[in-house]
Amino acid sequence: MIYAEILENIRSALQNGEKPTITRIQIKVNVPFVRFKEYWDDLKARGLITAESEVGLTKQGEIP
């Protein structure tokens, strides 16, 4: 599922000390940007990610 891939890419980047960006994540999940933006906005609305000044995961968005 695309949502899981997005969350996993954010988690992986953070664990590797990288700064996740919307563009890098979109390229890794290989989805057109228009569709990716819809997924991204939905994840933010559900409270699974933060994307104010930096991209990150909320407690709810962390994958066990």
PDB file of N, CA and C in Angstrom:
ATOM      1  N   MET A   1       0.844  -1.179   0.000  1.00  0.00           N
ATOM      2  CA  MET A   1       0.000   0.000   0.000  1.00  0.00           C
ATOM      3  C   MET A   1       0.888   1.241   0.000  1.00  0.00           C
ATOM      4  N   ILE A   2       0.478   2.231  -0.731  1.00  0.00           N
ATOM      5  CA  ILE A   2       1.267   3.453  -0.892  1.00  0.00           C
ATOM      6  C   ILE A   2       1.478   4.167   0.441  1.00  0.00           C
ATOM      7  N   TYR A   3       0.456   4.195   1.280  1.00  0.00           N
ATOM      8  CA  TYR A   3       0.590   4.881   2.572  1.00  0.00           C
ATOM      9  C   TYR A   3       1.724   4.270   3.392  1.00  0.00           C
ATOM     10  N   ALA A   4       1.772   2.947   3.435  1.00  0.00           N
ATOM     11  CA  ALA A   4       2.826   2.259   4.189  1.00  0.00           C
ATOM     12  C   ALA A   4       4.198   2.556   3.593  1.00  0.00           C
ATOM     13  N   GLU A   5       4.298   2.603   2.278  1.00  0.00           N
ATOM     14  CA  GLU A   5       5.565   2.910   1.629  1.00  0.00           C
ATOM     15  C   GLU A   5       6.032   4.318   1.979  1.00  0.00           C
ATOM     16  N   ILE A   6       5.114   5.258   1.980  1.00  0.00           N
ATOM     17  CA  ILE A   6       5.468   6.640   2.329  1.00  0.00           C
ATOM     18  C   ILE A   6       5.984   6.701   3.764  1.00  0.00           C
ATOM     19  N   LEU A   7       5.236   6.102   4.688  1.00  0.00           N
ATOM     20  CA  LEU A   7       5.648   6.106   6.091  1.00  0.00           C
ATOM     21  C   LEU A   7       6.988   5.402   6.283  1.00  0.00           C
ATOM     22  N   GLU A   8       7.180   4.278   5.604  1.00  0.00           N
ATOM     23  CA  GLU A   8       8.435   3.524   5.713  1.00  0.00           C
ATOM     24  C   GLU A   8       9.608   4.335   5.180  1.00  0.00           C
ATOM     25  N   ASN A   9       9.419   5.056   4.079  1.00  0.00           N
ATOM     26  CA  ASN A   9      10.497   5.874   3.533  1.00  0.00           C
ATOM     27  C   ASN A   9      10.863   7.023   4.460  1.00  0.00           C
ATOM     28  N   ILE A  10       9.885   7.615   5.103  1.00  0.00           N
ATOM     29  CA  ILE A  10      10.176   8.677   6.073  1.00  0.00           C
ATOM     30  C   ILE A  10      10.952   8.095   7.247  1.00  0.00           C
ATOM     31  N   ARG A  11      10.475   6.961   7.786  1.00  0.00           N
ATOM     32  CA  ARG A  11      11.136   6.320   8.922  1.00  0.00           C
ATOM     33  C   ARG A  11      12.573   5.930   8.577  1.00  0.00           C
ATOM     34  N   SER A  12      12.754   5.349   7.414  1.00  0.00           N
ATOM     35  CA  SER A  12      14.079   4.923   6.983  1.00  0.00           C
ATOM     36  C   SER A  12      15.043   6.103   6.863  1.00  0.00           C
ATOM     37  N   ALA A  13      14.581   7.183   6.253  1.00  0.00           N
ATOM     38  CA  ALA A  13      15.425   8.366   6.104  1.00  0.00           C
ATOM     39  C   ALA A  13      15.814   8.928   7.471  1.00  0.00           C
ATOM     40  N   LEU A  14      14.859   9.014   8.379  1.00  0.00           N
ATOM     41  CA  LEU A  14      15.144   9.544   9.716  1.00  0.00           C
ATOM     42  C   LEU A  14      16.134   8.648  10.462  1.00  0.00           C
ATOM     43  N   GLN A  15      15.983   7.333  10.344  1.00  0.00           N
ATOM     44  CA  GLN A  15      16.897   6.407  11.016  1.00  0.00           C
ATOM     45  C   GLN A  15      18.309   6.501  10.451  1.00  0.00           C
ATOM     46  N   ASN A  16      18.422   6.822   9.160  1.00  0.00           N
ATOM     47  CA  ASN A  16      19.736   6.933   8.528  1.00  0.00           C
ATOM     48  C   ASN A  16      20.343   8.323   8.679  1.00  0.00           C
ATOM     49  N   GLY A  17      19.686   9.174   9.449  1.00  0.00           N
ATOM     50  CA  GLY A  17      20.199  10.514   9.682  1.00  0.00           C
ATOM     51  C   GLY A  17      19.991  11.449   8.508  1.00  0.00           C
ATOM     52  N   GLU A  18      19.130  11.077   7.579  1.00  0.00           N
ATOM     53  CA  GLU A  18      18.845  11.916   6.421  1.00  0.00           C
ATOM     54  C   GLU A  18      17.640  12.797   6.710  1.00  0.00           C
ATOM     55  N   LYS A  19      17.524  13.851   5.949  1.00  0.00           N
ATOM     56  CA  LYS A  19      16.368  14.738   6.071  1.00  0.00           C
ATOM     57  C   LYS A  19      15.378  14.347   4.970  1.00  0.00           C
ATOM     58  N   PRO A  20      14.253  13.723   5.329  1.00  0.00           N
ATOM     59  CA  PRO A  20      13.297  13.333   4.294  1.00  0.00           C
ATOM     60  C   PRO A  20      12.636  14.553   3.670  1.00  0.00           C
ATOM     61  N   THR A  21      12.508  14.523   2.368  1.00  0.00           N
ATOM     62  CA  THR A  21      11.823  15.602   1.660  1.00  0.00           C
ATOM     63  C   THR A  21      10.674  15.005   0.847  1.00  0.00           C
ATOM     64  N   ILE A  22       9.698  15.823   0.565  1.00  0.00           N
ATOM     65  CA  ILE A  22       8.541  15.358  -0.196  1.00  0.00           C
ATOM     66  C   ILE A  22       8.981  14.811  -1.548  1.00  0.00           C
ATOM     67  N   THR A  23       9.870  15.499  -2.218  1.00  0.00           N
ATOM     68  CA  THR A  23      10.302  15.075  -3.545  1.00  0.00           C
ATOM     69  C   THR A  23      11.016  13.725  -3.501  1.00  0.00           C
ATOM     70  N   ARG A  24      11.942  13.542  -2.566  1.00  0.00           N
ATOM     71  CA  ARG A  24      12.661  12.270  -2.454  1.00  0.00           C
ATOM     72  C   ARG A  24      11.708  11.117  -2.178  1.00  0.00           C
ATOM     73  N   ILE A  25      10.772  11.339  -1.297  1.00  0.00           N
ATOM     74  CA  ILE A  25       9.819  10.285  -0.948  1.00  0.00           C
ATOM     75  C   ILE A  25       8.937   9.970  -2.148  1.00  0.00           C
ATOM     76  N   GLN A  26       8.480  10.987  -2.840  1.00  0.00           N
ATOM     77  CA  GLN A  26       7.630  10.789  -4.016  1.00  0.00           C
ATOM     78  C   GLN A  26       8.366   9.985  -5.077  1.00  0.00           C
ATOM     79  N   ILE A  27       9.616  10.257  -5.288  1.00  0.00           N
ATOM     80  CA  ILE A  27      10.400   9.518  -6.276  1.00  0.00           C
ATOM     81  C   ILE A  27      10.566   8.060  -5.846  1.00  0.00           C
ATOM     82  N   LYS A  28      10.831   7.838  -4.570  1.00  0.00           N
ATOM     83  CA  LYS A  28      11.025   6.468  -4.079  1.00  0.00           C
ATOM     84  C   LYS A  28       9.767   5.617  -4.183  1.00  0.00           C
ATOM     85  N   VAL A  29       8.597   6.209  -3.952  1.00  0.00           N
ATOM     86  CA  VAL A  29       7.358   5.420  -4.043  1.00  0.00           C
ATOM     87  C   VAL A  29       6.845   5.362  -5.478  1.00  0.00           C
ATOM     88  N   ASN A  30       7.461   6.146  -6.387  1.00  0.00           N
ATOM     89  CA  ASN A  30       7.186   6.067  -7.811  1.00  0.00           C
ATOM     90  C   ASN A  30       5.707   6.268  -8.147  1.00  0.00           C
ATOM     91  N   VAL A  31       5.186   7.405  -7.711  1.00  0.00           N
ATOM     92  CA  VAL A  31       3.795   7.776  -7.989  1.00  0.00           C
ATOM     93  C   VAL A  31       3.815   9.179  -8.580  1.00  0.00           C
ATOM     94  N   PRO A  32       2.955   9.455  -9.553  1.00  0.00           N
ATOM     95  CA  PRO A  32       2.887  10.824 -10.080  1.00  0.00           C
ATOM     96  C   PRO A  32       2.647  11.826  -8.953  1.00  0.00           C
ATOM     97  N   PHE A  33       3.271  13.000  -9.072  1.00  0.00           N
ATOM     98  CA  PHE A  33       3.229  13.952  -7.965  1.00  0.00           C
ATOM     99  C   PHE A  33       1.812  14.374  -7.597  1.00  0.00           C
ATOM    100  N   VAL A  34       0.943  14.547  -8.568  1.00  0.00           N
ATOM    101  CA  VAL A  34      -0.428  14.975  -8.269  1.00  0.00           C
ATOM    102  C   VAL A  34      -1.108  13.954  -7.361  1.00  0.00           C
ATOM    103  N   ARG A  35      -0.956  12.676  -7.674  1.00  0.00           N
ATOM    104  CA  ARG A  35      -1.552  11.621  -6.855  1.00  0.00           C
ATOM    105  C   ARG A  35      -0.837  11.531  -5.500  1.00  0.00           C
ATOM    106  N   PHE A  36       0.505  11.641  -5.536  1.00  0.00           N
ATOM    107  CA  PHE A  36       1.273  11.596  -4.293  1.00  0.00           C
ATOM    108  C   PHE A  36       0.826  12.690  -3.341  1.00  0.00           C
ATOM    109  N   LYS A  37       0.579  13.883  -3.847  1.00  0.00           N
ATOM    110  CA  LYS A  37       0.153  15.012  -3.013  1.00  0.00           C
ATOM    111  C   LYS A  37      -1.165  14.701  -2.313  1.00  0.00           C
ATOM    112  N   GLU A  38      -2.066  13.991  -2.992  1.00  0.00           N
ATOM    113  CA  GLU A  38      -3.323  13.589  -2.364  1.00  0.00           C
ATOM    114  C   GLU A  38      -3.061  12.634  -1.196  1.00  0.00           C
ATOM    115  N   TYR A  39      -2.179  11.660  -1.418  1.00  0.00           N
ATOM    116  CA  TYR A  39      -1.824  10.720  -0.346  1.00  0.00           C
ATOM    117  C   TYR A  39      -1.185  11.466   0.822  1.00  0.00           C
ATOM    118  N   TRP A  40      -0.275  12.379   0.490  1.00  0.00           N
ATOM    119  CA  TRP A  40       0.459  13.160   1.490  1.00  0.00           C
ATOM    120  C   TRP A  40      -0.505  13.978   2.354  1.00  0.00           C
ATOM    121  N   ASP A  41      -1.418  14.664   1.688  1.00  0.00           N
ATOM    122  CA  ASP A  41      -2.398  15.477   2.415  1.00  0.00           C
ATOM    123  C   ASP A  41      -3.296  14.607   3.294  1.00  0.00           C
ATOM    124  N   ASP A  42      -3.633  13.421   2.826  1.00  0.00           N
ATOM    125  CA  ASP A  42      -4.455  12.509   3.614  1.00  0.00           C
ATOM    126  C   ASP A  42      -3.696  12.026   4.849  1.00  0.00           C
ATOM    127  N   LEU A  43      -2.427  11.695   4.699  1.00  0.00           N
ATOM    128  CA  LEU A  43      -1.615  11.273   5.851  1.00  0.00           C
ATOM    129  C   LEU A  43      -1.500  12.397   6.881  1.00  0.00           C
ATOM    130  N   LYS A  44      -1.359  13.632   6.406  1.00  0.00           N
ATOM    131  CA  LYS A  44      -1.315  14.780   7.330  1.00  0.00           C
ATOM    132  C   LYS A  44      -2.655  14.947   8.035  1.00  0.00           C
ATOM    133  N   ALA A  45      -3.751  14.825   7.292  1.00  0.00           N
ATOM    134  CA  ALA A  45      -5.087  14.990   7.870  1.00  0.00           C
ATOM    135  C   ALA A  45      -5.376  13.913   8.913  1.00  0.00           C
ATOM    136  N   ARG A  46      -4.835  12.727   8.711  1.00  0.00           N
ATOM    137  CA  ARG A  46      -5.037  11.625   9.657  1.00  0.00           C
ATOM    138  C   ARG A  46      -4.087  11.716  10.860  1.00  0.00           C
ATOM    139  N   GLY A  47      -3.186  12.691  10.836  1.00  0.00           N
ATOM    140  CA  GLY A  47      -2.267  12.881  11.957  1.00  0.00           C
ATOM    141  C   GLY A  47      -1.132  11.874  12.001  1.00  0.00           C
ATOM    142  N   LEU A  48      -0.742  11.322  10.844  1.00  0.00           N
ATOM    143  CA  LEU A  48       0.320  10.316  10.805  1.00  0.00           C
ATOM    144  C   LEU A  48       1.691  10.910  10.503  1.00  0.00           C
ATOM    145  N   ILE A  49       1.710  12.078   9.861  1.00  0.00           N
ATOM    146  CA  ILE A  49       2.979  12.738   9.549  1.00  0.00           C
ATOM    147  C   ILE A  49       2.899  14.213   9.916  1.00  0.00           C
ATOM    148  N   THR A  50       4.081  14.777  10.093  1.00  0.00           N
ATOM    149  CA  THR A  50       4.184  16.218  10.280  1.00  0.00           C
ATOM    150  C   THR A  50       4.994  16.760   9.113  1.00  0.00           C
ATOM    151  N   ALA A  51       4.656  17.924   8.663  1.00  0.00           N
ATOM    152  CA  ALA A  51       5.377  18.502   7.528  1.00  0.00           C
ATOM    153  C   ALA A  51       5.377  20.018   7.615  1.00  0.00           C
ATOM    154  N   GLU A  52       5.493  20.541   8.817  1.00  0.00           N
ATOM    155  CA  GLU A  52       5.504  21.995   8.980  1.00  0.00           C
ATOM    156  C   GLU A  52       6.857  22.552   8.545  1.00  0.00           C
ATOM    157  N   SER A  53       7.869  22.457   9.386  1.00  0.00           N
ATOM    158  CA  SER A  53       9.191  22.939   9.003  1.00  0.00           C
ATOM    159  C   SER A  53      10.052  21.782   8.499  1.00  0.00           C
ATOM    160  N   GLU A  54       9.819  20.588   9.027  1.00  0.00           N
ATOM    161  CA  GLU A  54      10.530  19.389   8.593  1.00  0.00           C
ATOM    162  C   GLU A  54       9.554  18.228   8.521  1.00  0.00           C
ATOM    163  N   VAL A  55       9.846  17.287   7.643  1.00  0.00           N
ATOM    164  CA  VAL A  55       9.009  16.100   7.511  1.00  0.00           C
ATOM    165  C   VAL A  55       9.348  15.137   8.641  1.00  0.00           C
ATOM    166  N   GLY A  56       8.321  14.577   9.261  1.00  0.00           N
ATOM    167  CA  GLY A  56       8.533  13.613  10.327  1.00  0.00           C
ATOM    168  C   GLY A  56       7.291  12.781  10.560  1.00  0.00           C
ATOM    169  N   LEU A  57       7.414  11.817  11.434  1.00  0.00           N
ATOM    170  CA  LEU A  57       6.291  10.946  11.785  1.00  0.00           C
ATOM    171  C   LEU A  57       5.739  11.336  13.141  1.00  0.00           C
ATOM    172  N   THR A  58       4.445  11.212  13.322  1.00  0.00           N
ATOM    173  CA  THR A  58       3.843  11.382  14.636  1.00  0.00           C
ATOM    174  C   THR A  58       3.872  10.018  15.329  1.00  0.00           C
ATOM    175  N   LYS A  59       3.479   9.972  16.580  1.00  0.00           N
ATOM    176  CA  LYS A  59       3.400   8.690  17.301  1.00  0.00           C
ATOM    177  C   LYS A  59       2.504   7.721  16.558  1.00  0.00           C
ATOM    178  N   GLN A  60       1.380   8.217  16.044  1.00  0.00           N
ATOM    179  CA  GLN A  60       0.435   7.362  15.325  1.00  0.00           C
ATOM    180  C   GLN A  60       1.026   6.847  14.017  1.00  0.00           C
ATOM    181  N   GLY A  61       1.915   7.597  13.411  1.00  0.00           N
ATOM    182  CA  GLY A  61       2.477   7.233  12.129  1.00  0.00           C
ATOM    183  C   GLY A  61       3.651   6.287  12.188  1.00  0.00           C
ATOM    184  N   GLU A  62       4.165   6.058  13.389  1.00  0.00           N
ATOM    185  CA  GLU A  62       5.310   5.158  13.526  1.00  0.00           C
ATOM    186  C   GLU A  62       4.881   3.723  13.236  1.00  0.00           C
ATOM    187  N   ILE A  63       5.671   3.052  12.447  1.00  0.00           N
ATOM    188  CA  ILE A  63       5.385   1.664  12.105  1.00  0.00           C
ATOM    189  C   ILE A  63       6.087   0.773  13.117  1.00  0.00           C
ATOM    190  N   PRO A  64       5.360  -0.152  13.731  1.00  0.00           N
ATOM    191  CA  PRO A  64       5.990  -1.013  14.750  1.00  0.00           C
ATOM    192  C   PRO A  64       7.061  -1.906  14.170  1.00  0.00           C
TER     193      PRO A  64
END
